[in-house]
C-alpha atoms as a PDB file:
ATOM      1  CA  MET A   1      -1.960   3.255   5.240  1.00  0.00           C
ATOM      2  CA  PHE A   2      -3.298   0.606   2.863  1.00  0.00           C
ATOM      3  CA  GLU A   3      -5.098  -1.059   5.754  1.00  0.00           C
ATOM      4  CA  GLU A   4      -6.989   2.171   6.459  1.00  0.00           C
ATOM      5  CA  LEU A   5      -7.830   2.733   2.790  1.00  0.00           C
ATOM      6  CA  SER A   6      -8.954  -0.841   2.196  1.00  0.00           C
ATOM      7  CA  SER A   7     -11.185  -0.678   5.261  1.00  0.00           C
ATOM      8  CA  LEU A   8     -12.757   2.513   3.905  1.00  0.00           C
ATOM      9  CA  SER A   9     -13.179   0.911   0.495  1.00  0.00           C
ATOM     10  CA  LEU A  10     -14.953  -2.110   1.965  1.00  0.00           C
ATOM     11  CA  THR A  11     -17.273   0.105   3.979  1.00  0.00           C
ATOM     12  CA  LEU A  12     -18.152   2.295   0.992  1.00  0.00           C
ATOM     13  CA  GLN A  13     -18.969  -0.775  -1.113  1.00  0.00           C
ATOM     14  CA  ARG A  14     -21.646  -1.997   1.282  1.00  0.00           C
ATOM     15  CA  ASN A  15     -25.195  -1.901  -0.083  1.00  0.00           C
ATOM     16  CA  ASP A  16     -26.772  -0.989   3.245  1.00  0.00           C
ATOM     17  CA  LEU A  17     -24.521   2.062   3.699  1.00  0.00           C
ATOM     18  CA  ILE A  18     -26.234   5.351   4.468  1.00  0.00           C
ATOM     19  CA  ILE A  19     -24.752   8.825   3.906  1.00  0.00           C
ATOM     20  CA  PRO A  20     -24.079   9.608   7.598  1.00  0.00           C
ATOM     21  CA  GLN A  21     -22.107   6.374   7.949  1.00  0.00           C
ATOM     22  CA  ALA A  22     -20.118   7.177   4.803  1.00  0.00           C
ATOM     23  CA  THR A  23     -19.190  10.675   5.974  1.00  0.00           C
ATOM     24  CA  SER A  24     -18.294   9.368   9.424  1.00  0.00           C
ATOM     25  CA  GLU A  25     -16.089   6.660   7.909  1.00  0.00           C
ATOM     26  CA  LEU A  26     -14.401   9.216   5.629  1.00  0.00           C
ATOM     27  CA  ARG A  27     -13.666  11.523   8.567  1.00  0.00           C
ATOM     28  CA  LYS A  28     -12.312   8.628  10.625  1.00  0.00           C
ATOM     29  CA  THR A  29     -10.044   7.505   7.781  1.00  0.00           C
ATOM     30  CA  VAL A  30      -8.742  11.030   7.142  1.00  0.00           C
ATOM     31  CA  THR A  31      -7.992  11.428  10.856  1.00  0.00           C
ATOM     32  CA  ARG A  32      -6.119   8.129  10.985  1.00  0.00           C
ATOM     33  CA  LEU A  33      -4.125   8.949   7.838  1.00  0.00           C
ATOM     34  CA  GLU A  34      -3.188  12.373   9.203  1.00  0.00           C
ATOM     35  CA  ALA A  35      -2.082  10.732  12.455  1.00  0.00           C
ATOM     36  CA  LEU A  36       0.255   8.462  10.484  1.00  0.00           C
ATOM     37  CA  LYS A  37       2.287  11.537   9.477  1.00  0.00           C
ATOM     38  CA  PHE A  38       3.282  12.115  13.082  1.00  0.00           C
ATOM     39  CA  ARG A  39       3.150   8.651  14.604  1.00  0.00           C
ATOM     40  CA  ALA A  40       3.873   5.525  12.603  1.00  0.00           C
ATOM     41  CA  LYS A  41       1.783   2.444  13.348  1.00  0.00           C
ATOM     42  CA  ALA A  42       3.660   0.071  15.667  1.00  0.00           C
ATOM     43  CA  GLY A  43       5.256  -2.701  13.628  1.00  0.00           C
ATOM     44  CA  GLY A  44       4.147  -1.095  10.367  1.00  0.00           C
ATOM     45  CA  MET A  45       6.173  -0.514   7.221  1.00  0.00           C
ATOM     46  CA  LEU A  46       6.526   3.228   7.841  1.00  0.00           C
ATOM     47  CA  GLU A  47       8.024   2.556  11.262  1.00  0.00           C
ATOM     48  CA  LYS A  48      10.523   0.133   9.706  1.00  0.00           C
ATOM     49  CA  ILE A  49      11.524   2.690   7.079  1.00  0.00           C
ATOM     50  CA  GLN A  50      11.896   5.416   9.704  1.00  0.00           C
ATOM     51  CA  THR A  51      14.054   3.090  11.811  1.00  0.00           C
ATOM     52  CA  MET A  52      16.256   2.273   8.821  1.00  0.00           C
ATOM     53  CA  LEU A  53      16.645   5.940   7.944  1.00  0.00           C
ATOM     54  CA  ALA A  54      17.552   6.748  11.552  1.00  0.00           C
ATOM     55  CA  GLN A  55      20.372   4.202  11.349  1.00  0.00           C
ATOM     56  CA  GLN A  56      22.020   5.752   8.307  1.00  0.00           C
ATOM     57  CA  GLN A  57      25.635   4.804   7.879  1.00  0.00           C
ATOM     58  CA  GLY A  58      26.587   6.870   4.856  1.00  0.00           C
ATOM     59  CA  ASP A  59      25.930   4.246   2.180  1.00  0.00           C
ATOM     60  CA  GLU A  60      25.428   5.678  -1.278  1.00  0.00           C
ATOM     61  CA  ARG A  61      23.817   4.259  -4.427  1.00  0.00           C
ATOM     62  CA  ARG A  62      22.688   5.648  -7.740  1.00  0.00           C
ATOM     63  CA  PHE A  63      19.261   4.860  -9.137  1.00  0.00           C
ATOM     64  CA  GLN A  64      18.049   6.322 -12.444  1.00  0.00           C
ATOM     65  CA  GLY A  65      20.648   9.051 -12.252  1.00  0.00           C
ATOM     66  CA  ILE A  66      19.809  10.047  -8.676  1.00  0.00           C
ATOM     67  CA  THR A  67      22.275   9.566  -5.844  1.00  0.00           C
ATOM     68  CA  MET A  68      20.650   8.029  -2.793  1.00  0.00           C
ATOM     69  CA  LYS A  69      22.411   8.297   0.536  1.00  0.00           C
ATOM     70  CA  GLY A  70      21.850   6.500   3.779  1.00  0.00           C
ATOM     71  CA  ASN A  71      21.541   2.920   4.943  1.00  0.00           C
ATOM     72  CA  LEU A  72      19.937   1.214   1.962  1.00  0.00           C
ATOM     73  CA  LYS A  73      20.754  -2.345   2.988  1.00  0.00           C
ATOM     74  CA  GLY A  74      17.221  -2.908   4.261  1.00  0.00           C
ATOM     75  CA  PHE A  75      15.704  -2.343   0.840  1.00  0.00           C
ATOM     76  CA  MET A  76      15.335  -5.256  -1.549  1.00  0.00           C
ATOM     77  CA  ASP A  77      17.896  -5.417  -4.349  1.00  0.00           C
ATOM     78  CA  LEU A  78      15.801  -5.743  -7.511  1.00  0.00           C
ATOM     79  CA  THR A  79      18.883  -5.999  -9.730  1.00  0.00           C
ATOM     80  CA  ASN A  80      19.729  -9.442  -8.339  1.00  0.00           C
ATOM     81  CA  PRO A  81      20.123 -11.851 -11.304  1.00  0.00           C
ATOM     82  CA  GLN A  82      18.307 -14.600  -9.384  1.00  0.00           C
ATOM     83  CA  LEU A  83      15.167 -12.463  -9.348  1.00  0.00           C
ATOM     84  CA  LYS A  84      15.339 -12.103 -13.123  1.00  0.00           C
ATOM     85  CA  GLN A  85      15.761 -15.865 -13.519  1.00  0.00           C
ATOM     86  CA  HIS A  86      12.777 -16.594 -11.323  1.00  0.00           C
ATOM     87  CA  MET A  87      10.424 -13.807 -12.371  1.00  0.00           C
ATOM     88  CA  GLU A  88       7.294 -15.639 -11.250  1.00  0.00           C
ATOM     89  CA  ALA A  89       8.724 -16.067  -7.773  1.00  0.00           C
ATOM     90  CA  ALA A  90       9.699 -12.389  -7.736  1.00  0.00           C
ATOM     91  CA  ILE A  91       6.197 -11.310  -8.725  1.00  0.00           C
ATOM     92  CA  ASN A  92       4.647 -13.430  -5.980  1.00  0.00           C
ATOM     93  CA  ILE A  93       6.915 -12.242  -3.150  1.00  0.00           C
ATOM     94  CA  GLY A  94       4.748 -11.716  -0.085  1.00  0.00           C
ATOM     95  CA  VAL A  95       1.551 -13.143  -1.602  1.00  0.00           C
ATOM     96  CA  ASP A  96       1.566 -16.244   0.602  1.00  0.00           C
ATOM     97  CA  ASN A  97       2.068 -14.082   3.673  1.00  0.00           C
ATOM     98  CA  LEU A  98      -0.871 -11.890   2.634  1.00  0.00           C
ATOM     99  CA  LYS A  99      -3.105 -14.921   2.080  1.00  0.00           C
ATOM    100  CA  ALA A 100      -2.120 -16.408   5.432  1.00  0.00           C
ATOM    101  CA  ARG A 101      -2.809 -13.141   7.262  1.00  0.00           C
ATOM    102  CA  SER A 102      -6.240 -12.831   5.659  1.00  0.00           C
ATOM    103  CA  GLY A 103      -7.189 -16.231   7.095  1.00  0.00           C
ATOM    104  CA  CYS A 104      -7.216 -18.259   3.886  1.00  0.00           C
ATOM    105  CA  ASN A 105      -6.851 -22.015   4.126  1.00  0.00           C
ATOM    106  CA  MET A 106      -4.769 -22.575   1.003  1.00  0.00           C
ATOM    107  CA  ALA A 107      -5.428 -26.325   0.966  1.00  0.00           C
ATOM    108  CA  ALA A 108      -9.199 -25.785   0.724  1.00  0.00           C
ATOM    109  CA  ILE A 109      -9.142 -23.186  -2.054  1.00  0.00           C
ATOM    110  CA  GLN A 110      -8.825 -25.623  -4.963  1.00  0.00           C
ATOM    111  CA  ASP A 111     -11.841 -27.661  -3.835  1.00  0.00           C
ATOM    112  CA  GLU A 112     -13.874 -24.547  -3.155  1.00  0.00           C
ATOM    113  CA  TRP A 113     -12.962 -23.143  -6.577  1.00  0.00           C
ATOM    114  CA  GLN A 114     -14.239 -26.262  -8.335  1.00  0.00           C
ATOM    115  CA  GLY A 115     -17.495 -26.163  -6.383  1.00  0.00           C
ATOM    116  CA  LEU A 116     -17.925 -22.431  -6.955  1.00  0.00           C
ATOM    117  CA  LYS A 117     -17.461 -22.784 -10.730  1.00  0.00           C
ATOM    118  CA  ILE A 118     -20.122 -25.494 -10.875  1.00  0.00           C
ATOM    119  CA  LEU A 119     -22.519 -23.508  -8.686  1.00  0.00           C
ATOM    120  CA  VAL A 120     -22.149 -20.325 -10.750  1.00  0.00           C
ATOM    121  CA  SER A 121     -22.438 -22.086 -14.113  1.00  0.00           C
ATOM    122  CA  HIS A 122     -25.642 -23.881 -13.086  1.00  0.00           C
ATOM    123  CA  ASN A 123     -27.453 -21.416 -10.822  1.00  0.00           C
ATOM    124  CA  PHE A 124     -26.222 -17.887 -11.517  1.00  0.00           C
ATOM    125  CA  LYS A 125     -25.974 -17.534 -15.308  1.00  0.00           C
ATOM    126  CA  ASP A 126     -28.362 -14.566 -15.215  1.00  0.00           C
ATOM    127  CA  LYS A 127     -26.368 -12.595 -12.596  1.00  0.00           C
ATOM    128  CA  VAL A 128     -24.219  -9.637 -13.566  1.00  0.00           C
ATOM    129  CA  TYR A 129     -20.651  -9.451 -12.252  1.00  0.00           C
ATOM    130  CA  SER A 130     -21.343  -7.163  -9.283  1.00  0.00           C
ATOM    131  CA  GLY A 131     -24.576  -8.946  -8.377  1.00  0.00           C
ATOM    132  CA  LEU A 132     -22.857 -12.313  -8.376  1.00  0.00           C
ATOM    133  CA  TRP A 133     -20.112 -11.251  -5.952  1.00  0.00           C
ATOM    134  CA  GLU A 134     -22.631  -9.366  -3.816  1.00  0.00           C
ATOM    135  CA  THR A 135     -24.645 -12.572  -3.443  1.00  0.00           C
ATOM    136  CA  MET A 136     -21.612 -14.746  -2.778  1.00  0.00           C
ATOM    137  CA  LEU A 137     -20.095 -12.396  -0.208  1.00  0.00           C
ATOM    138  CA  THR A 138     -23.283 -11.620   1.729  1.00  0.00           C
ATOM    139  CA  LYS A 139     -25.595 -14.652   1.647  1.00  0.00           C
ATOM    140  CA  ASP A 140     -25.028 -17.167   4.442  1.00  0.00           C
ATOM    141  CA  PRO A 141     -24.797 -20.519   2.693  1.00  0.00           C
ATOM    142  CA  TYR A 142     -22.337 -19.236   0.102  1.00  0.00           C
ATOM    143  CA  ARG A 143     -20.104 -17.069   2.254  1.00  0.00           C
ATOM    144  CA  HIS A 144     -19.518 -19.961   4.662  1.00  0.00           C
ATOM    145  CA  ASP A 145     -19.244 -22.791   2.124  1.00  0.00           C
ATOM    146  CA  TYR A 146     -16.741 -20.883  -0.045  1.00  0.00           C
ATOM    147  CA  LYS A 147     -15.078 -18.851   2.712  1.00  0.00           C
ATOM    148  CA  ASN A 148     -11.469 -19.244   1.566  1.00  0.00           C
ATOM    149  CA  ILE A 149     -11.913 -18.507  -2.131  1.00  0.00           C
ATOM    150  CA  LEU A 150     -14.184 -15.571  -1.273  1.00  0.00           C
ATOM    151  CA  GLU A 151     -11.408 -14.111   0.912  1.00  0.00           C
ATOM    152  CA  LEU A 152      -9.252 -13.908  -2.211  1.00  0.00           C
ATOM    153  CA  VAL A 153     -12.131 -12.479  -4.249  1.00  0.00           C
ATOM    154  CA  GLN A 154     -12.705  -9.852  -1.582  1.00  0.00           C
ATOM    155  CA  LEU A 155      -9.026  -8.877  -1.669  1.00  0.00           C
ATOM    156  CA  MET A 156      -9.200  -8.621  -5.434  1.00  0.00           C
ATOM    157  CA  LEU A 157     -12.327  -6.446  -5.321  1.00  0.00           C
ATOM    158  CA  VAL A 158     -10.865  -4.117  -2.686  1.00  0.00           C
ATOM    159  CA  LEU A 159      -7.435  -3.562  -4.203  1.00  0.00           C
ATOM    160  CA  PRO A 160      -7.378  -0.550  -6.517  1.00  0.00           C
ATOM    161  CA  ILE A 161      -6.799  -1.201 -10.192  1.00  0.00           C
ATOM    162  CA  SER A 162      -3.567   0.801 -10.006  1.00  0.00           C
ATOM    163  CA  ALA A 163      -2.149  -1.904  -7.685  1.00  0.00           C
ATOM    164  CA  ALA A 164      -1.980  -4.226 -10.702  1.00  0.00           C
ATOM    165  CA  GLN A 165       1.063  -2.269 -11.868  1.00  0.00           C
ATOM    166  CA  CYS A 166       3.076  -3.096  -8.744  1.00  0.00           C
END
């Protein structure tokens, strides 16, 4: 579901977008989201949850006063004391996997970040926030020279603000 919504978000943020493309993209996204109700994406999270629920064994747990029944072993135990001891590690669970899937070369990011800071501080002082990222993400010399750090920036710009609470 998030893949569909992030794709829509990226499309709607394009500067060269025209109204017919936007309405077409909205219709396509709505159709795909409605299809997810009936048919989970192969290998997706919804399919995994449906599989776990189909294999219920009668386990029972209470969470915030609500009794939950079924096979809950597949869900992460957030009451584990090790997670509390290593809060930073708990917050970053899955981040490396997300970066790897987006095609980021983690070893190159630090060098690119240093170069990007110098470039912005010397050449783009007059740019506003949105104009700066528009230039970096669309202009050829920048989007290729700083490819890895811009992948992370693009993820940050696409994720909704409400995702910061997760």
